[in-house]
C-alpha atoms as a PDB file:
ATOM      1  CA  MET A   1       5.337 -52.121 -30.848  1.00  0.00           C
ATOM      2  CA  ALA A   2       7.024 -54.827 -32.607  1.00  0.00           C
ATOM      3  CA  GLU A   3       9.944 -56.390 -31.125  1.00  0.00           C
ATOM      4  CA  ASP A   4      13.167 -54.930 -32.590  1.00  0.00           C
ATOM      5  CA  LYS A   5      15.587 -57.932 -32.901  1.00  0.00           C
ATOM      6  CA  ARG A   6      19.263 -57.362 -33.336  1.00  0.00           C
ATOM      7  CA  ARG A   7      20.553 -57.970 -36.646  1.00  0.00           C
ATOM      8  CA  PRO A   8      24.371 -58.830 -37.477  1.00  0.00           C
ATOM      9  CA  HIS A   9      26.032 -55.861 -39.920  1.00  0.00           C
ATOM     10  CA  HIS A  10      26.951 -56.705 -42.995  1.00  0.00           C
ATOM     11  CA  ARG A  11      29.962 -54.814 -44.509  1.00  0.00           C
ATOM     12  CA  ALA A  12      28.831 -54.118 -47.865  1.00  0.00           C
ATOM     13  CA  VAL A  13      25.702 -52.694 -46.522  1.00  0.00           C
ATOM     14  CA  ASP A  14      27.496 -50.364 -43.781  1.00  0.00           C
ATOM     15  CA  ARG A  15      29.855 -49.380 -46.381  1.00  0.00           C
ATOM     16  CA  ILE A  16      26.916 -48.095 -48.626  1.00  0.00           C
ATOM     17  CA  ALA A  17      24.868 -46.691 -45.704  1.00  0.00           C
ATOM     18  CA  ALA A  18      28.404 -44.792 -44.869  1.00  0.00           C
ATOM     19  CA  LEU A  19      28.801 -43.456 -48.341  1.00  0.00           C
ATOM     20  CA  LEU A  20      24.894 -41.900 -48.258  1.00  0.00           C
ATOM     21  CA  GLY A  21      25.398 -40.587 -45.008  1.00  0.00           C
ATOM     22  CA  ALA A  22      28.659 -39.013 -46.287  1.00  0.00           C
ATOM     23  CA  ALA A  23      27.088 -37.420 -49.187  1.00  0.00           C
ATOM     24  CA  THR A  24      24.685 -35.437 -46.720  1.00  0.00           C
ATOM     25  CA  THR A  25      27.384 -33.440 -45.097  1.00  0.00           C
ATOM     26  CA  GLU A  26      28.160 -31.111 -47.859  1.00  0.00           C
ATOM     27  CA  PRO A  27      25.327 -29.009 -49.824  1.00  0.00           C
ATOM     28  CA  ARG A  28      27.432 -28.959 -53.251  1.00  0.00           C
ATOM     29  CA  GLY A  29      28.477 -32.781 -52.700  1.00  0.00           C
ATOM     30  CA  LEU A  30      31.578 -34.673 -52.315  1.00  0.00           C
ATOM     31  CA  THR A  31      33.963 -36.171 -54.595  1.00  0.00           C
ATOM     32  CA  LEU A  32      34.966 -39.476 -54.697  1.00  0.00           C
ATOM     33  CA  THR A  33      38.484 -39.191 -53.314  1.00  0.00           C
ATOM     34  CA  GLU A  34      36.517 -37.055 -50.414  1.00  0.00           C
ATOM     35  CA  LEU A  35      33.793 -40.148 -50.094  1.00  0.00           C
ATOM     36  CA  ALA A  36      36.431 -42.583 -49.547  1.00  0.00           C
ATOM     37  CA  ARG A  37      38.392 -40.730 -47.369  1.00  0.00           C
ATOM     38  CA  SER A  38      35.273 -39.971 -45.468  1.00  0.00           C
ATOM     39  CA  ILE A  39      34.509 -43.498 -44.618  1.00  0.00           C
ATOM     40  CA  ASP A  40      38.050 -44.585 -44.738  1.00  0.00           C
ATOM     41  CA  ALA A  41      37.737 -47.048 -47.807  1.00  0.00           C
ATOM     42  CA  PRO A  42      39.811 -47.437 -50.819  1.00  0.00           C
ATOM     43  CA  LEU A  43      39.067 -45.528 -54.012  1.00  0.00           C
ATOM     44  CA  SER A  44      38.293 -48.311 -55.950  1.00  0.00           C
ATOM     45  CA  SER A  45      35.860 -49.859 -53.783  1.00  0.00           C
ATOM     46  CA  VAL A  46      33.990 -46.528 -53.720  1.00  0.00           C
ATOM     47  CA  GLN A  47      33.999 -45.627 -57.240  1.00  0.00           C
ATOM     48  CA  LYS A  48      31.943 -48.844 -57.897  1.00  0.00           C
ATOM     49  CA  LEU A  49      29.687 -48.295 -55.054  1.00  0.00           C
ATOM     50  CA  ALA A  50      29.101 -44.937 -56.113  1.00  0.00           C
ATOM     51  CA  TYR A  51      28.245 -45.738 -59.899  1.00  0.00           C
ATOM     52  CA  GLY A  52      26.003 -48.513 -58.582  1.00  0.00           C
ATOM     53  CA  LEU A  53      24.101 -45.939 -56.307  1.00  0.00           C
ATOM     54  CA  VAL A  54      23.707 -43.450 -58.870  1.00  0.00           C
ATOM     55  CA  ALA A  55      22.287 -45.936 -61.404  1.00  0.00           C
ATOM     56  CA  SER A  56      19.911 -46.807 -58.631  1.00  0.00           C
ATOM     57  CA  GLY A  57      18.847 -43.342 -57.809  1.00  0.00           C
ATOM     58  CA  PHE A  58      20.270 -43.367 -54.231  1.00  0.00           C
ATOM     59  CA  LEU A  59      23.051 -40.860 -55.154  1.00  0.00           C
ATOM     60  CA  ASP A  60      23.045 -38.006 -57.905  1.00  0.00           C
ATOM     61  CA  GLU A  61      26.250 -37.231 -59.734  1.00  0.00           C
ATOM     62  CA  ARG A  62      27.019 -33.404 -61.276  1.00  0.00           C
ATOM     63  CA  ASP A  63      30.577 -32.496 -62.164  1.00  0.00           C
ATOM     64  CA  GLY A  64      32.200 -35.269 -60.325  1.00  0.00           C
ATOM     65  CA  ARG A  65      30.313 -34.416 -56.934  1.00  0.00           C
ATOM     66  CA  TYR A  66      27.881 -36.808 -55.439  1.00  0.00           C
ATOM     67  CA  THR A  67      24.952 -35.597 -53.421  1.00  0.00           C
ATOM     68  CA  VAL A  68      21.838 -37.518 -52.314  1.00  0.00           C
ATOM     69  CA  GLY A  69      19.685 -38.735 -55.166  1.00  0.00           C
ATOM     70  CA  PRO A  70      15.709 -38.723 -55.247  1.00  0.00           C
ATOM     71  CA  LEU A  71      15.163 -42.449 -54.560  1.00  0.00           C
ATOM     72  CA  SER A  72      15.283 -42.099 -50.854  1.00  0.00           C
ATOM     73  CA  ALA A  73      12.440 -39.691 -51.287  1.00  0.00           C
ATOM     74  CA  VAL A  74      10.452 -41.322 -53.332  1.00  0.00           C
ATOM     75  CA  LEU A  75      10.726 -44.565 -51.265  1.00  0.00           C
ATOM     76  CA  GLU A  76       9.432 -42.793 -48.192  1.00  0.00           C
ATOM     77  CA  ARG A  77       6.389 -40.998 -49.796  1.00  0.00           C
ATOM     78  CA  ARG A  78       5.502 -44.432 -51.549  1.00  0.00           C
ATOM     79  CA  SER A  79       5.589 -46.341 -48.384  1.00  0.00           C
ATOM     80  CA  GLY A  80       3.203 -43.884 -46.270  1.00  0.00           C
ATOM     81  CA  ARG A  81       5.957 -43.680 -43.651  1.00  0.00           C
ATOM     82  CA  THR A  82       6.141 -39.785 -43.129  1.00  0.00           C
ATOM     83  CA  ALA A  83       5.292 -40.231 -39.634  1.00  0.00           C
ATOM     84  CA  ILE A  84       8.648 -38.109 -38.872  1.00  0.00           C
ATOM     85  CA  ALA A  85       8.146 -35.603 -41.208  1.00  0.00           C
ATOM     86  CA  ASP A  86       4.863 -34.584 -40.168  1.00  0.00           C
ATOM     87  CA  PHE A  87       6.854 -32.797 -36.790  1.00  0.00           C
ATOM     88  CA  SER A  88       7.653 -29.980 -39.320  1.00  0.00           C
ATOM     89  CA  ARG A  89      10.784 -27.592 -39.052  1.00  0.00           C
ATOM     90  CA  SER A  90       8.333 -24.889 -38.767  1.00  0.00           C
ATOM     91  CA  ARG A  91       7.419 -26.409 -34.929  1.00  0.00           C
ATOM     92  CA  LEU A  92      10.895 -26.762 -34.455  1.00  0.00           C
ATOM     93  CA  ALA A  93      11.766 -23.236 -35.449  1.00  0.00           C
ATOM     94  CA  GLU A  94       8.693 -22.325 -32.942  1.00  0.00           C
ATOM     95  CA  LEU A  95      10.229 -23.950 -30.199  1.00  0.00           C
ATOM     96  CA  HIS A  96      13.551 -22.189 -30.776  1.00  0.00           C
ATOM     97  CA  GLU A  97      11.926 -19.029 -30.752  1.00  0.00           C
ATOM     98  CA  ARG A  98       9.874 -19.590 -27.458  1.00  0.00           C
ATOM     99  CA  THR A  99      12.790 -21.079 -25.519  1.00  0.00           C
ATOM    100  CA  GLY A 100      15.942 -19.626 -27.270  1.00  0.00           C
ATOM    101  CA  ALA A 101      17.275 -23.134 -26.955  1.00  0.00           C
ATOM    102  CA  ALA A 102      18.260 -25.254 -29.994  1.00  0.00           C
ATOM    103  CA  ALA A 103      15.487 -27.528 -31.392  1.00  0.00           C
ATOM    104  CA  LEU A 104      16.219 -30.864 -32.572  1.00  0.00           C
ATOM    105  CA  LEU A 105      14.459 -33.967 -34.152  1.00  0.00           C
ATOM    106  CA  VAL A 106      16.356 -37.030 -33.790  1.00  0.00           C
ATOM    107  CA  VAL A 107      16.109 -40.711 -35.112  1.00  0.00           C
ATOM    108  CA  ARG A 108      17.400 -43.910 -34.335  1.00  0.00           C
ATOM    109  CA  ILE A 109      19.507 -45.907 -37.075  1.00  0.00           C
ATOM    110  CA  GLY A 110      21.170 -48.807 -35.675  1.00  0.00           C
ATOM    111  CA  ASP A 111      23.066 -47.934 -32.778  1.00  0.00           C
ATOM    112  CA  ASP A 112      23.296 -44.137 -33.635  1.00  0.00           C
ATOM    113  CA  ALA A 113      21.322 -41.028 -33.080  1.00  0.00           C
ATOM    114  CA  VAL A 114      21.018 -39.118 -35.957  1.00  0.00           C
ATOM    115  CA  ASN A 115      19.791 -35.239 -36.057  1.00  0.00           C
ATOM    116  CA  ILE A 116      17.562 -35.228 -39.030  1.00  0.00           C
ATOM    117  CA  GLU A 117      16.641 -31.265 -38.745  1.00  0.00           C
ATOM    118  CA  SER A 118      17.292 -28.891 -36.250  1.00  0.00           C
ATOM    119  CA  VAL A 119      16.884 -25.125 -35.627  1.00  0.00           C
ATOM    120  CA  GLY A 120      19.116 -22.693 -33.438  1.00  0.00           C
ATOM    121  CA  LEU A 121      22.491 -24.552 -33.609  1.00  0.00           C
ATOM    122  CA  THR A 122      25.413 -22.220 -32.726  1.00  0.00           C
ATOM    123  CA  ASP A 123      27.931 -22.292 -35.654  1.00  0.00           C
ATOM    124  CA  ALA A 124      30.136 -24.772 -33.639  1.00  0.00           C
ATOM    125  CA  ALA A 125      27.273 -27.184 -33.013  1.00  0.00           C
ATOM    126  CA  ALA A 126      26.387 -26.715 -36.671  1.00  0.00           C
ATOM    127  CA  PHE A 127      29.859 -27.404 -37.600  1.00  0.00           C
ATOM    128  CA  VAL A 128      30.060 -30.567 -35.657  1.00  0.00           C
ATOM    129  CA  ASP A 129      26.549 -31.714 -36.739  1.00  0.00           C
ATOM    130  CA  THR A 130      27.493 -31.147 -40.213  1.00  0.00           C
ATOM    131  CA  THR A 131      30.774 -33.343 -40.035  1.00  0.00           C
ATOM    132  CA  ARG A 132      29.599 -35.850 -37.707  1.00  0.00           C
ATOM    133  CA  TRP A 133      25.983 -36.667 -38.516  1.00  0.00           C
ATOM    134  CA  ARG A 134      25.885 -40.124 -36.200  1.00  0.00           C
ATOM    135  CA  TYR A 135      26.330 -39.996 -32.547  1.00  0.00           C
ATOM    136  CA  PRO A 136      26.327 -42.947 -30.175  1.00  0.00           C
ATOM    137  CA  LEU A 137      22.625 -43.427 -28.391  1.00  0.00           C
ATOM    138  CA  PRO A 138      24.064 -42.503 -25.044  1.00  0.00           C
ATOM    139  CA  ALA A 139      25.933 -39.581 -26.273  1.00  0.00           C
ATOM    140  CA  THR A 140      23.206 -37.027 -26.651  1.00  0.00           C
ATOM    141  CA  ALA A 141      19.660 -36.546 -24.687  1.00  0.00           C
ATOM    142  CA  GLY A 142      17.679 -37.522 -27.825  1.00  0.00           C
ATOM    143  CA  GLY A 143      19.861 -40.631 -28.123  1.00  0.00           C
ATOM    144  CA  ARG A 144      19.057 -41.742 -24.725  1.00  0.00           C
ATOM    145  CA  VAL A 145      15.310 -41.286 -25.113  1.00  0.00           C
ATOM    146  CA  LEU A 146      15.440 -43.215 -28.314  1.00  0.00           C
ATOM    147  CA  LEU A 147      17.514 -45.929 -26.280  1.00  0.00           C
ATOM    148  CA  ALA A 148      14.945 -45.928 -23.351  1.00  0.00           C
ATOM    149  CA  TYR A 149      12.303 -47.136 -25.612  1.00  0.00           C
ATOM    150  CA  MET A 150      13.813 -49.678 -27.306  1.00  0.00           C
ATOM    151  CA  PRO A 151      12.000 -53.115 -26.580  1.00  0.00           C
ATOM    152  CA  GLU A 152      13.637 -54.526 -23.277  1.00  0.00           C
ATOM    153  CA  ARG A 153      15.748 -57.565 -24.788  1.00  0.00           C
ATOM    154  CA  PRO A 154      17.624 -55.527 -27.629  1.00  0.00           C
ATOM    155  CA  ARG A 155      17.923 -52.616 -25.229  1.00  0.00           C
ATOM    156  CA  ARG A 156      19.919 -54.948 -22.577  1.00  0.00           C
ATOM    157  CA  GLU A 157      21.600 -56.828 -25.500  1.00  0.00           C
ATOM    158  CA  TRP A 158      23.107 -53.431 -26.942  1.00  0.00           C
ATOM    159  CA  ALA A 159      24.355 -52.448 -23.194  1.00  0.00           C
ATOM    160  CA  ALA A 160      26.034 -55.846 -22.825  1.00  0.00           C
ATOM    161  CA  GLU A 161      27.519 -55.325 -26.255  1.00  0.00           C
ATOM    162  CA  ASN A 162      28.595 -51.781 -25.664  1.00  0.00           C
ATOM    163  CA  LEU A 163      29.328 -51.071 -22.379  1.00  0.00           C
ATOM    164  CA  ARG A 164      30.519 -54.638 -20.864  1.00  0.00           C
ATOM    165  CA  GLU A 165      33.880 -53.543 -19.983  1.00  0.00           C
ATOM    166  CA  ASP A 166      31.980 -50.691 -17.547  1.00  0.00           C
ATOM    167  CA  PRO A 167      29.644 -52.652 -15.429  1.00  0.00           C
ATOM    168  CA  GLU A 168      29.284 -49.420 -13.271  1.00  0.00           C
ATOM    169  CA  ARG A 169      28.490 -47.180 -16.479  1.00  0.00           C
ATOM    170  CA  THR A 170      26.302 -49.627 -17.452  1.00  0.00           C
ATOM    171  CA  MET A 171      24.080 -49.610 -14.446  1.00  0.00           C
ATOM    172  CA  ILE A 172      23.936 -45.946 -14.061  1.00  0.00           C
ATOM    173  CA  LEU A 173      22.984 -45.838 -17.794  1.00  0.00           C
ATOM    174  CA  LEU A 174      20.132 -48.528 -17.464  1.00  0.00           C
ATOM    175  CA  ASP A 175      18.835 -46.726 -14.563  1.00  0.00           C
ATOM    176  CA  GLU A 176      18.630 -43.313 -16.342  1.00  0.00           C
ATOM    177  CA  LEU A 177      16.736 -45.212 -19.225  1.00  0.00           C
ATOM    178  CA  ASP A 178      14.449 -46.694 -16.529  1.00  0.00           C
ATOM    179  CA  THR A 179      13.508 -42.977 -15.237  1.00  0.00           C
ATOM    180  CA  ILE A 180      12.949 -41.694 -18.940  1.00  0.00           C
ATOM    181  CA  ARG A 181      10.865 -44.385 -19.534  1.00  0.00           C
ATOM    182  CA  ARG A 182       8.731 -43.668 -16.502  1.00  0.00           C
ATOM    183  CA  THR A 183       8.652 -39.963 -16.694  1.00  0.00           C
ATOM    184  CA  GLY A 184       8.730 -39.659 -20.799  1.00  0.00           C
ATOM    185  CA  ILE A 185      11.406 -37.358 -20.701  1.00  0.00           C
ATOM    186  CA  ALA A 186      15.289 -36.894 -20.566  1.00  0.00           C
ATOM    187  CA  VAL A 187      16.341 -33.901 -18.441  1.00  0.00           C
ATOM    188  CA  GLY A 188      19.968 -32.777 -17.803  1.00  0.00           C
ATOM    189  CA  PRO A 189      23.430 -32.708 -19.434  1.00  0.00           C
ATOM    190  CA  SER A 190      23.562 -32.900 -22.945  1.00  0.00           C
ATOM    191  CA  GLY A 191      25.737 -35.753 -22.820  1.00  0.00           C
ATOM    192  CA  THR A 192      29.414 -36.867 -22.833  1.00  0.00           C
ATOM    193  CA  LEU A 193      30.241 -35.109 -26.050  1.00  0.00           C
ATOM    194  CA  ARG A 194      29.030 -31.518 -25.171  1.00  0.00           C
ATOM    195  CA  PRO A 195      29.030 -31.630 -21.255  1.00  0.00           C
ATOM    196  CA  ASP A 196      28.700 -27.569 -21.371  1.00  0.00           C
ATOM    197  CA  LEU A 197      25.285 -28.147 -22.660  1.00  0.00           C
ATOM    198  CA  GLU A 198      21.958 -29.397 -21.065  1.00  0.00           C
ATOM    199  CA  SER A 199      18.864 -30.446 -22.782  1.00  0.00           C
ATOM    200  CA  VAL A 200      15.607 -31.888 -22.286  1.00  0.00           C
ATOM    201  CA  ALA A 201      14.188 -34.351 -24.775  1.00  0.00           C
ATOM    202  CA  VAL A 202      10.918 -36.726 -25.314  1.00  0.00           C
ATOM    203  CA  PRO A 203       9.719 -39.114 -27.243  1.00  0.00           C
ATOM    204  CA  LEU A 204       7.791 -38.454 -30.723  1.00  0.00           C
ATOM    205  CA  VAL A 205       5.104 -40.972 -30.679  1.00  0.00           C
ATOM    206  CA  ARG A 206       3.064 -41.987 -34.036  1.00  0.00           C
ATOM    207  CA  ASP A 207       0.385 -44.829 -34.027  1.00  0.00           C
ATOM    208  CA  GLY A 208       1.726 -46.202 -30.724  1.00  0.00           C
ATOM    209  CA  GLU A 209       5.312 -46.708 -31.990  1.00  0.00           C
ATOM    210  CA  VAL A 210       8.142 -44.238 -30.694  1.00  0.00           C
ATOM    211  CA  VAL A 211       9.408 -43.030 -34.475  1.00  0.00           C
ATOM    212  CA  ALA A 212      11.639 -40.149 -33.063  1.00  0.00           C
ATOM    213  CA  ALA A 213      12.862 -37.856 -30.571  1.00  0.00           C
ATOM    214  CA  VAL A 214      12.346 -34.096 -29.931  1.00  0.00           C
ATOM    215  CA  ALA A 215      15.010 -32.247 -27.957  1.00  0.00           C
ATOM    216  CA  LEU A 216      15.994 -28.779 -27.077  1.00  0.00           C
ATOM    217  CA  THR A 217      19.580 -27.965 -25.759  1.00  0.00           C
ATOM    218  CA  ARG A 218      21.220 -24.953 -24.632  1.00  0.00           C
ATOM    219  CA  SER A 219      24.411 -23.702 -22.382  1.00  0.00           C
ATOM    220  CA  ARG A 220      24.145 -24.409 -19.271  1.00  0.00           C
ATOM    221  CA  VAL A 221      25.470 -20.902 -18.410  1.00  0.00           C
ATOM    222  CA  GLY A 222      23.104 -17.706 -18.576  1.00  0.00           C
ATOM    223  CA  ALA A 223      20.131 -19.389 -19.642  1.00  0.00           C
ATOM    224  CA  ARG A 224      17.127 -17.054 -19.506  1.00  0.00           C
ATOM    225  CA  ILE A 225      14.316 -19.479 -19.002  1.00  0.00           C
ATOM    226  CA  PRO A 226      14.349 -21.980 -16.553  1.00  0.00           C
ATOM    227  CA  LEU A 227      14.839 -25.739 -17.203  1.00  0.00           C
ATOM    228  CA  GLY A 228      11.228 -26.272 -16.332  1.00  0.00           C
ATOM    229  CA  ALA A 229       9.659 -24.220 -18.704  1.00  0.00           C
ATOM    230  CA  LEU A 230      11.696 -25.827 -21.769  1.00  0.00           C
ATOM    231  CA  LYS A 231       9.936 -29.115 -20.333  1.00  0.00           C
ATOM    232  CA  ASP A 232       6.356 -27.398 -20.524  1.00  0.00           C
ATOM    233  CA  ALA A 233       7.139 -26.027 -23.970  1.00  0.00           C
ATOM    234  CA  LEU A 234       8.655 -29.093 -25.194  1.00  0.00           C
ATOM    235  CA  SER A 235       5.701 -31.409 -24.127  1.00  0.00           C
ATOM    236  CA  ALA A 236       3.303 -29.116 -25.428  1.00  0.00           C
ATOM    237  CA  ALA A 237       4.693 -29.006 -28.963  1.00  0.00           C
ATOM    238  CA  VAL A 238       4.971 -32.725 -28.935  1.00  0.00           C
ATOM    239  CA  SER A 239       1.532 -33.638 -27.764  1.00  0.00           C
ATOM    240  CA  GLY A 240      -0.119 -31.008 -29.683  1.00  0.00           C
ATOM    241  CA  PRO A 241      -2.323 -31.059 -32.742  1.00  0.00           C
ATOM    242  CA  LEU A 242      -0.057 -31.253 -35.969  1.00  0.00           C
ATOM    243  CA  PRO A 243       0.291 -28.131 -38.064  1.00  0.00           C
END
């Protein structure tokens, strides 16, 4: 696996990324005013960026509402990096049907975990996932798996940057990440955002590289299937042949 060196953020690039992310939160698209509000940026700046993104194909504009444009899909297909897409929605649906738990496909973008596909979320969880599309890596089981499989140096740099004011929490998290790498699975409370949920998550590996995490999450109350059965179902689905 190539060394994952941490790079500094660039304000303009971060703002563009935030705009593209915001455009995914509403199927009908967002107006310029809504885009500006969602990323807490001046309307004039957002207007210029949005016009440029439409011109380049990253955004699409119809009747004053902006949605994700076709260029992202074109770039992914032309690059040949479709390893994430090969874990299909139908396989997530099968996991949900077998276990009753919500099934999610999670990727890492910078220091955040992003659910790019899900089946079986409750209405409340789906609302949160739509309106808040990025989560801190430690906040979800899938995010912790992705953090665990970062190369050692950037992983420890991440901990130093994000948890420096809480050494005890840092040590607890690093110990958990060691356990995830040793066992190949994250098991337990979903995370700080939803302590009422429990989750299992495993890495999705393609060509020797962790490209995503697959997670099952459910309420900690009234579960009809033992947590161990969720682990077995998830491990079998991820390691099995592609549909």
